[in-house]
Amino acid sequence: MTQDPSYHTVSAGMVAGGAADRLAAMGLEPEPTDEERGQLQQHFEKEAFPRNVPRMVGERPSDRAARRRALESRLRAAHEKVSLVVERPIAHGRCAIFGLMVLALIRALAVIQGNIPGYSVYAMHFLTTSSDIICTVCTLPLFIFGTRGLCVQKGCLGPMLTLVFAMSLVDVSAFGAYLLVATPRPLAPGSRSLVDVMEAVLGVWEWALLGSVSLQLALCTSSWRIYRALRMAGLYAPDKPADVAREKTKEISMLEIMCEAEDIEYLEAFEFKCGETCGASGSTPLLKDQEVVQGELPAGTPP
């Protein structure tokens, strides 16, 4: 019985190597020439492999290591640059912290000797003493370990700056309230020396209050300079991951002391839109019936 040649269908995976010879021996097709056999072999070898073969490991070098080396290089250069910028602010901040510690010791010695502020100003001195302790404890990690410490790595520099600014406001407010309500202490009978008068007007607690305000303002200024240098260098709170260790061209707003960077961008965008709206409304020409030229009134209009 003669078989239909179309019945013999051979898959591409089975035809390889000597498949052409086997087909010719079965009588399905005439024996191909060497040239046809080579072309058929190349065709089936090409079709036998999938086109989208996943890349094998080691076939092409990955650029992940190159990107990591580039990032480490940028970080190293940025830290070296920032270390030169924040050298003086860190030194000033350490001096301010040391001064606050000295003030705390002076207050403790005054209490031990029985020199306690009066009832009318006791709350003000309590506020300024508490703010000194809070500022000292919160800023010690930054000014001890520097810009590579955990305070910067964990993202605590921004909240710390806000806290120091708030404590400075508390200290300044306490000083202003003291100037309003404080009265000089009465002098002892027969004591009219300049030292006695000065001690009656400005005692140890008053000097401590004045020193506390000055040192906290210096500490807040140093913290802001460090924060600004890190933000400009892209080492703290970058706008996007690609901006890590890349220097910013846009100036850092002082509103970041109290607000987040995203809130400031929203406010700037809102202000820009308001400016465009006001400018468009202000440049709208007047209608002809609203234009009145002085001295040229329409006919029949009463003067």
Protein backbone atom coordinates (compact mmCIF):
# COMPACT_ATOMS: atom_id res chain seq x y z
CA MET A 1 0.00 0.00 0.00
CA THR A 2 1.36 3.34 -1.01
CA GLN A 3 1.45 5.87 1.82
CA ASP A 4 0.65 9.52 1.35
CA PRO A 5 3.82 11.61 1.70
CA SER A 6 1.87 14.29 3.54
CA TYR A 7 1.22 11.75 6.29
CA HIS A 8 4.85 11.74 7.19
CA THR A 9 5.19 14.96 9.14
CA VAL A 10 8.39 15.32 11.06
CA SER A 11 8.83 17.98 13.79
CA ALA A 12 11.68 20.43 13.75
CA GLY A 13 13.14 18.97 16.93
CA MET A 14 13.46 15.48 15.40
CA VAL A 15 15.12 16.65 12.19
CA ALA A 16 18.81 17.25 12.97
CA GLY A 17 22.12 15.90 11.81
CA GLY A 18 21.31 13.03 9.35
CA ALA A 19 17.55 13.67 9.13
CA ALA A 20 17.75 14.44 5.40
CA ASP A 21 19.35 11.02 4.69
CA ARG A 22 16.63 9.19 6.59
CA LEU A 23 13.89 10.97 4.63
CA ALA A 24 15.55 10.02 1.33
CA ALA A 25 15.94 6.37 2.41
CA MET A 26 12.19 6.17 3.19
CA GLY A 27 11.34 7.29 -0.34
CA LEU A 28 9.51 10.36 0.72
CA GLU A 29 11.78 12.76 -1.09
CA PRO A 30 14.65 12.42 -3.53
CA GLU A 31 18.04 12.43 -1.94
CA PRO A 32 19.18 16.02 -1.60
CA THR A 33 22.53 17.22 -2.78
CA ASP A 34 25.33 18.19 -0.41
CA GLU A 35 24.50 21.86 -0.83
CA GLU A 36 20.81 21.29 -0.08
CA ARG A 37 21.71 19.09 2.84
CA GLY A 38 23.93 21.83 4.29
CA GLN A 39 21.21 24.46 3.87
CA LEU A 40 18.66 22.15 5.50
CA GLN A 41 21.01 21.44 8.37
CA GLN A 42 21.59 25.17 8.98
CA HIS A 43 17.84 25.80 8.81
CA PHE A 44 16.99 23.20 11.44
CA GLU A 45 19.89 24.20 13.69
CA LYS A 46 18.59 27.78 13.61
CA GLU A 47 15.04 26.74 14.39
CA ALA A 48 16.04 24.30 17.12
CA PHE A 49 17.07 27.06 19.54
CA PRO A 50 14.61 29.59 21.00
CA ARG A 51 15.17 33.15 19.95
CA ASN A 52 14.73 34.79 23.37
CA VAL A 53 17.35 32.86 25.29
CA PRO A 54 17.93 34.32 28.77
CA ARG A 55 21.38 35.74 29.22
CA MET A 56 23.67 33.37 31.07
CA VAL A 57 25.55 34.53 34.10
CA GLY A 58 28.95 35.76 33.06
CA GLU A 59 28.04 36.19 29.39
CA ARG A 60 28.07 39.98 29.67
CA PRO A 61 29.56 41.90 32.61
CA SER A 62 26.88 43.53 34.77
CA ASP A 63 26.99 47.27 35.39
CA ARG A 64 25.74 46.96 38.98
CA ALA A 65 29.26 46.84 40.35
CA ALA A 66 30.23 49.82 38.19
CA ARG A 67 27.26 51.82 39.48
CA ARG A 68 28.15 50.93 43.04
CA ARG A 69 31.74 52.04 42.56
CA ALA A 70 30.57 55.30 41.01
CA LEU A 71 28.18 55.93 43.92
CA GLU A 72 30.89 55.20 46.48
CA SER A 73 33.22 57.57 44.69
CA ARG A 74 30.60 60.33 44.69
CA LEU A 75 29.86 59.75 48.37
CA ARG A 76 33.54 59.90 49.26
CA ALA A 77 34.05 63.14 47.34
CA ALA A 78 30.88 64.70 48.80
CA HIS A 79 31.87 63.81 52.39
CA GLU A 80 35.33 65.27 51.88
CA LYS A 81 33.85 68.49 50.54
CA VAL A 82 31.24 68.75 53.29
CA SER A 83 33.79 68.07 56.02
CA LEU A 84 35.62 71.24 55.03
CA VAL A 85 32.42 73.29 54.99
CA VAL A 86 31.05 72.12 58.35
CA GLU A 87 34.34 72.23 60.22
CA ARG A 88 33.71 75.65 61.76
CA PRO A 89 29.98 75.13 62.49
CA ILE A 90 30.78 71.88 64.32
CA ALA A 91 33.46 73.65 66.36
CA HIS A 92 31.05 76.50 67.22
CA GLY A 93 28.34 74.02 68.17
CA ARG A 94 30.66 72.12 70.47
CA CYS A 95 31.65 75.34 72.20
CA ALA A 96 27.97 76.25 72.61
CA ILE A 97 27.19 72.83 74.12
CA PHE A 98 30.12 73.18 76.53
CA GLY A 99 28.85 76.62 77.55
CA LEU A 100 25.37 75.24 78.23
CA MET A 101 26.91 72.54 80.44
CA VAL A 102 28.81 75.21 82.35
CA LEU A 103 25.60 77.18 82.84
CA ALA A 104 23.88 74.08 84.19
CA LEU A 105 26.74 73.64 86.68
CA ILE A 106 26.50 77.30 87.75
CA ARG A 107 22.77 76.99 88.33
CA ALA A 108 23.27 73.83 90.39
CA LEU A 109 25.90 75.57 92.55
CA ALA A 110 23.59 78.57 93.03
CA VAL A 111 20.77 76.29 94.22
CA ILE A 112 23.14 74.48 96.59
CA GLN A 113 24.18 77.82 98.10
CA GLY A 114 20.53 78.79 98.59
CA ASN A 115 20.39 81.39 95.83
CA ILE A 116 16.97 80.59 94.32
CA PRO A 117 15.13 82.98 91.96
CA GLY A 118 11.99 84.69 93.13
CA TYR A 119 8.51 83.36 92.70
CA SER A 120 7.61 85.83 89.91
CA VAL A 121 10.53 84.74 87.69
CA TYR A 122 10.87 81.13 88.81
CA ALA A 123 8.86 79.75 85.87
CA MET A 124 11.01 81.64 83.35
CA HIS A 125 14.24 80.27 84.77
CA PHE A 126 12.71 76.80 84.85
CA LEU A 127 11.82 77.05 81.15
CA THR A 128 15.25 78.25 80.11
CA THR A 129 16.98 75.58 82.20
CA SER A 130 14.80 72.84 80.69
CA SER A 131 15.43 74.11 77.15
CA ASP A 132 19.19 74.09 77.80
CA ILE A 133 19.10 70.47 78.94
CA ILE A 134 16.95 69.37 75.97
CA CYS A 135 19.18 71.11 73.43
CA THR A 136 22.33 69.67 74.97
CA VAL A 137 21.04 66.09 75.00
CA CYS A 138 19.57 66.22 71.48
CA THR A 139 22.56 67.82 69.75
CA LEU A 140 25.33 65.81 71.39
CA PRO A 141 25.21 62.90 68.85
CA LEU A 142 25.63 65.26 65.90
CA PHE A 143 28.46 67.36 67.31
CA ILE A 144 30.33 64.37 68.77
CA PHE A 145 30.22 61.93 65.84
CA GLY A 146 29.99 64.51 63.03
CA THR A 147 28.19 64.25 59.71
CA ARG A 148 28.83 60.50 59.35
CA GLY A 149 27.16 59.58 62.63
CA LEU A 150 23.81 57.93 63.18
CA CYS A 151 22.08 61.29 63.59
CA VAL A 152 22.54 61.94 59.88
CA GLN A 153 22.30 58.34 58.67
CA LYS A 154 18.98 57.71 60.48
CA GLY A 155 17.44 60.96 59.22
CA CYS A 156 17.26 62.67 62.64
CA LEU A 157 19.02 65.89 61.67
CA GLY A 158 15.87 67.64 60.43
CA PRO A 159 13.76 66.93 63.56
CA MET A 160 16.75 67.87 65.73
CA LEU A 161 17.06 71.21 63.95
CA THR A 162 13.35 71.90 64.44
CA LEU A 163 13.60 71.02 68.13
CA VAL A 164 16.62 73.28 68.68
CA PHE A 165 14.83 76.13 66.93
CA ALA A 166 11.73 75.63 69.09
CA MET A 167 13.83 75.59 72.28
CA SER A 168 15.57 78.78 71.16
CA LEU A 169 12.19 80.44 70.73
CA VAL A 170 11.21 79.29 74.22
CA ASP A 171 14.44 80.73 75.62
CA VAL A 172 14.02 84.07 73.84
CA SER A 173 10.39 84.27 74.98
CA ALA A 174 11.39 83.58 78.57
CA PHE A 175 14.02 86.30 78.39
CA GLY A 176 11.49 88.78 76.99
CA ALA A 177 8.99 87.92 79.72
CA TYR A 178 11.69 88.35 82.33
CA LEU A 179 12.46 91.86 81.09
CA LEU A 180 8.79 92.75 81.49
CA VAL A 181 8.09 91.38 84.97
CA ALA A 182 11.47 91.33 86.72
CA THR A 183 12.27 94.02 89.33
CA PRO A 184 15.59 94.73 91.03
CA ARG A 185 16.13 93.18 94.43
CA PRO A 186 16.15 95.61 97.38
CA LEU A 187 19.59 96.60 98.66
CA ALA A 188 20.75 95.95 102.15
CA PRO A 189 20.75 99.02 104.47
CA GLY A 190 23.94 101.03 104.09
CA SER A 191 25.24 99.17 100.99
CA ARG A 192 25.67 101.55 98.11
CA SER A 193 28.68 100.15 96.33
CA LEU A 194 28.67 99.53 92.60
CA VAL A 195 29.06 95.77 93.11
CA ASP A 196 26.01 95.64 95.38
CA VAL A 197 23.93 97.65 92.92
CA MET A 198 25.00 95.39 90.02
CA GLU A 199 24.20 92.25 92.02
CA ALA A 200 20.78 93.65 92.87
CA VAL A 201 20.03 94.40 89.23
CA LEU A 202 21.77 91.41 87.57
CA GLY A 203 22.39 88.34 89.67
CA VAL A 204 23.72 84.92 88.77
CA TRP A 205 20.34 83.77 87.42
CA GLU A 206 20.01 86.81 85.18
CA TRP A 207 23.47 86.27 83.71
CA ALA A 208 22.68 82.60 83.26
CA LEU A 209 19.48 83.52 81.40
CA LEU A 210 21.34 85.92 79.11
CA GLY A 211 24.08 83.37 78.44
CA SER A 212 21.51 80.67 77.75
CA VAL A 213 19.80 82.76 75.07
CA SER A 214 23.11 83.56 73.37
CA LEU A 215 24.40 79.98 73.43
CA GLN A 216 21.16 78.47 72.17
CA LEU A 217 21.01 80.91 69.27
CA ALA A 218 24.61 80.01 68.40
CA LEU A 219 23.76 76.31 68.61
CA CYS A 220 20.72 76.73 66.37
CA THR A 221 22.77 78.68 63.81
CA SER A 222 25.49 76.01 63.75
CA SER A 223 22.92 73.24 63.33
CA TRP A 224 21.30 75.09 60.43
CA ARG A 225 24.65 75.56 58.66
CA ILE A 226 25.41 71.84 58.96
CA TYR A 227 21.93 70.92 57.73
CA ARG A 228 22.23 73.28 54.78
CA ALA A 229 25.66 71.95 53.78
CA LEU A 230 24.45 68.34 53.85
CA ARG A 231 21.33 69.16 51.86
CA MET A 232 23.29 71.08 49.24
CA ALA A 233 25.71 68.17 48.87
CA GLY A 234 22.89 65.61 48.52
CA LEU A 235 23.98 63.68 51.62
CA TYR A 236 20.80 64.24 53.62
CA ALA A 237 17.19 63.86 52.49
CA PRO A 238 17.81 63.96 48.71
CA ASP A 239 14.85 64.94 46.53
CA LYS A 240 15.08 61.60 44.67
CA PRO A 241 17.38 58.55 44.75
CA ALA A 242 19.32 59.76 41.71
CA ASP A 243 20.32 62.95 43.61
CA VAL A 244 22.33 61.08 46.25
CA ALA A 245 25.76 62.71 46.64
CA ARG A 246 24.96 65.17 43.84
CA GLU A 247 25.32 68.86 44.54
CA LYS A 248 22.12 70.89 44.39
CA THR A 249 21.92 74.06 42.37
CA LYS A 250 18.77 75.32 44.09
CA GLU A 251 19.17 77.23 47.32
CA ILE A 252 17.85 75.63 50.49
CA SER A 253 14.97 77.58 52.01
CA MET A 254 15.11 78.51 55.68
CA LEU A 255 11.51 77.34 55.97
CA GLU A 256 12.88 73.80 56.11
CA ILE A 257 13.63 74.50 59.78
CA MET A 258 9.90 74.21 60.43
CA CYS A 259 8.53 72.47 57.31
CA GLU A 260 9.34 69.52 55.11
CA ALA A 261 10.92 70.05 51.70
CA GLU A 262 7.77 68.72 49.97
CA ASP A 263 5.61 71.29 51.80
CA ILE A 264 7.91 74.10 50.72
CA GLU A 265 7.74 72.98 47.09
CA TYR A 266 3.95 72.93 47.34
CA LEU A 267 3.94 76.46 48.79
CA GLU A 268 6.27 77.71 46.07
CA ALA A 269 4.09 76.16 43.37
CA PHE A 270 0.98 77.69 44.94
CA GLU A 271 2.65 81.10 45.15
CA PHE A 272 3.74 80.85 41.51
CA LYS A 273 0.19 80.01 40.41
CA CYS A 274 -1.21 82.89 42.47
CA GLY A 275 1.33 85.24 40.90
CA GLU A 276 0.37 84.13 37.41
CA THR A 277 -3.33 84.56 38.20
CA CYS A 278 -2.86 88.02 39.69
CA GLY A 279 -0.65 89.08 36.79
CA ALA A 280 -3.17 87.88 34.23
CA SER A 281 -6.04 89.66 35.96
CA GLY A 282 -4.05 92.84 36.39
CA SER A 283 -3.09 93.03 32.73
CA THR A 284 -6.67 92.66 31.43
CA PRO A 285 -7.56 95.78 29.43
CA LEU A 286 -10.55 97.84 30.44
CA LEU A 287 -13.72 97.77 28.42
CA LYS A 288 -14.47 100.74 26.22
CA ASP A 289 -17.54 101.70 28.19
CA GLN A 290 -15.38 101.82 31.36
CA GLU A 291 -12.77 104.15 29.89
CA VAL A 292 -13.48 107.73 30.89
CA VAL A 293 -11.03 110.37 29.73
CA GLN A 294 -10.84 113.38 31.95
CA GLY A 295 -12.38 116.41 30.27
CA GLU A 296 -14.14 114.43 27.52
CA LEU A 297 -17.53 113.43 28.81
CA PRO A 298 -20.21 112.14 26.41
CA ALA A 299 -22.74 114.64 25.13
CA GLY A 300 -25.76 115.12 27.39
CA THR A 301 -23.88 114.00 30.48
CA PRO A 302 -24.44 116.40 33.39
CA PRO A 303 -21.23 117.87 34.78
